[in-house]
Structure formats: structure tokens, C-alpha cells
Protein backbone atom coordinates (compact mmCIF):
# COMPACT_ATOMS: atom_id res chain seq x y z
CA MET A 1 -18.60 25.42 -293.83
CA ARG A 2 -16.70 29.10 -293.19
CA LYS A 3 -12.88 29.18 -293.73
CA LEU A 4 -11.10 32.36 -292.89
CA LEU A 5 -7.37 32.58 -294.89
CA LEU A 6 -5.57 35.74 -294.34
CA ALA A 7 -2.39 35.48 -296.58
CA VAL A 8 0.29 37.84 -294.73
CA PHE A 9 3.08 38.70 -296.35
CA ALA A 10 6.17 40.95 -295.79
CA THR A 11 7.68 42.14 -299.02
CA PHE A 12 11.58 43.39 -299.53
CA SER A 13 12.09 44.54 -303.01
CA LEU A 14 14.68 45.65 -305.14
CA VAL A 15 13.82 48.04 -307.94
CA ALA A 16 15.64 49.06 -310.92
CA ILE A 17 14.66 52.06 -313.05
CA ALA A 18 15.67 53.12 -316.69
CA GLN A 19 14.85 56.83 -317.73
CA GLU A 20 13.38 57.16 -321.19
CA GLU A 21 12.19 60.66 -321.78
CA ASP A 22 9.62 61.58 -319.29
CA ILE A 23 8.28 58.14 -318.80
CA ARG A 24 10.47 55.79 -316.67
CA PHE A 25 10.66 52.12 -316.82
CA GLY A 26 11.96 49.40 -314.30
CA ALA A 27 12.20 46.17 -312.73
CA LYS A 28 11.04 45.11 -309.53
CA LEU A 29 12.81 41.58 -307.97
CA GLY A 30 11.72 40.78 -304.28
CA VAL A 31 11.22 38.16 -301.41
CA ASN A 32 7.79 36.82 -299.93
CA PHE A 33 7.22 35.73 -296.32
CA VAL A 34 3.53 34.24 -296.57
CA ALA A 35 1.75 32.79 -293.56
CA LEU A 36 -1.93 31.16 -293.98
CA LEU A 37 -3.90 32.30 -290.87
CA GLY A 38 -7.34 30.82 -289.77
CA ASN A 39 -8.71 27.26 -288.82
CA ILE A 40 -5.45 25.70 -289.40
CA LYS A 41 -3.37 23.53 -287.71
CA ALA A 42 0.70 24.13 -287.49
CA ALA A 43 0.91 26.08 -290.73
CA ASP A 44 4.53 26.61 -291.68
CA ALA A 45 5.22 29.95 -293.65
CA ARG A 46 6.33 29.71 -297.08
CA THR A 47 9.42 32.00 -298.46
CA ASN A 48 9.04 32.86 -302.14
CA PHE A 49 9.84 35.63 -304.48
CA HIS A 50 8.00 38.21 -306.67
CA ILE A 51 9.06 39.55 -310.21
CA GLY A 52 7.56 42.22 -312.22
CA ALA A 53 8.07 45.57 -314.23
CA LEU A 54 6.65 48.92 -313.79
CA ALA A 55 6.58 52.31 -315.24
CA GLU A 56 6.61 55.76 -313.73
CA ILE A 57 4.14 58.39 -315.64
CA PRO A 58 4.66 61.85 -314.49
CA ILE A 59 1.48 63.83 -313.85
CA SER A 60 2.86 67.16 -312.89
CA ASP A 61 6.17 68.08 -311.03
CA GLN A 62 5.24 66.52 -307.74
CA PHE A 63 2.68 63.59 -308.57
CA VAL A 64 3.80 60.24 -310.59
CA PHE A 65 1.31 57.72 -311.76
CA GLN A 66 3.06 54.09 -311.32
CA PRO A 67 1.27 51.05 -312.71
CA GLU A 68 3.17 47.67 -312.08
CA LEU A 69 2.60 44.10 -313.18
CA LEU A 70 3.90 41.61 -311.06
CA TYR A 71 4.13 37.50 -310.47
CA SER A 72 4.10 36.49 -306.99
CA ALA A 73 4.42 32.97 -305.62
CA GLN A 74 2.76 32.26 -302.18
CA GLY A 75 1.79 29.57 -300.24
CA ALA A 76 2.14 27.34 -297.01
CA LYS A 77 3.07 24.05 -295.60
CA GLU A 78 1.08 22.21 -293.15
CA LYS A 79 1.89 18.77 -291.01
CA ASP A 80 -1.02 16.65 -289.75
CA GLY A 81 -0.75 12.86 -288.38
CA GLY A 82 2.37 12.78 -290.27
CA ARG A 83 1.24 13.99 -293.38
CA GLU A 84 2.34 17.04 -294.96
CA TYR A 85 -0.09 19.31 -297.40
CA LYS A 86 1.20 22.11 -299.46
CA THR A 87 -0.49 25.10 -300.74
CA ASN A 88 1.19 26.80 -303.57
CA SER A 89 -0.51 30.08 -304.87
CA ASP A 90 0.54 32.08 -307.83
CA TYR A 91 -0.72 35.42 -308.58
CA VAL A 92 -0.37 38.18 -311.11
CA ASN A 93 -1.09 41.56 -309.28
CA ILE A 94 -1.60 44.66 -310.99
CA PRO A 95 -0.87 47.71 -308.73
CA LEU A 96 -2.07 51.38 -309.95
CA ILE A 97 -0.07 53.41 -307.64
CA LEU A 98 -0.18 57.35 -307.39
CA LYS A 99 2.93 58.88 -305.67
CA CYS A 100 3.79 62.21 -304.60
CA TYR A 101 7.21 63.36 -304.25
CA VAL A 102 7.87 65.51 -301.08
CA ALA A 103 11.51 65.81 -301.43
CA GLU A 104 14.29 64.96 -303.86
CA GLY A 105 13.99 61.03 -303.70
CA PHE A 106 11.86 60.81 -301.08
CA ASN A 107 7.48 60.04 -301.98
CA ILE A 108 4.58 59.01 -300.59
């Protein structure tokens, strides 16, 4: 039996960074909008949150390495024949990001 579940979520984040010498530390807080796609009937999106911490470690004047540790709550709700089913998934994500500052306050 094959099932294809694709979790699609848009993330809006608020990031706060505190500077300590060359390495900068910060916190991240945002909202997730999650929908499950695939062989599922009438699954409603679940709105939840993510929260975590990050560090900006300079490599050169233009490049920065940014590891993050995030907790993300996701899932969906489905109604079938008067019964309601909920899928709740909690994740710990560890993104490893390489940023290039192309102008003051703007990075890729």
C-alpha cells in the first residue's frame, strides 16, 4: 500500500538576535500553516507554531554560518462519516544555513 503525504507549510517568523562578540545568538518564533496532500479526503489544515534558537557565526565579512534548533508542531484534521480524525506531528528541526550578505541588512 502506497500513500503519499506531503506536508506543505508557510512559515512566518519573528527573529530576535543578541550580539556577543563575533558570534550572535537569537530566538525564533513563528506560525505554521500545514496541509496534508495525497490520498486523503477533506483534510483541513492545522495552524500551529514553531519556536527555537539560532546562532550566526561569521566565516568572512560577507559569509555567515547559521545553525538553528527548532521545535515545530504540525498536523491536520479530517472528517469521515461523522467521525473526526486528527494527526498531530511534532518535529525537532536542525537547519544548517549559509548566508551571504550582499548589502547592509540584506542576505541570500
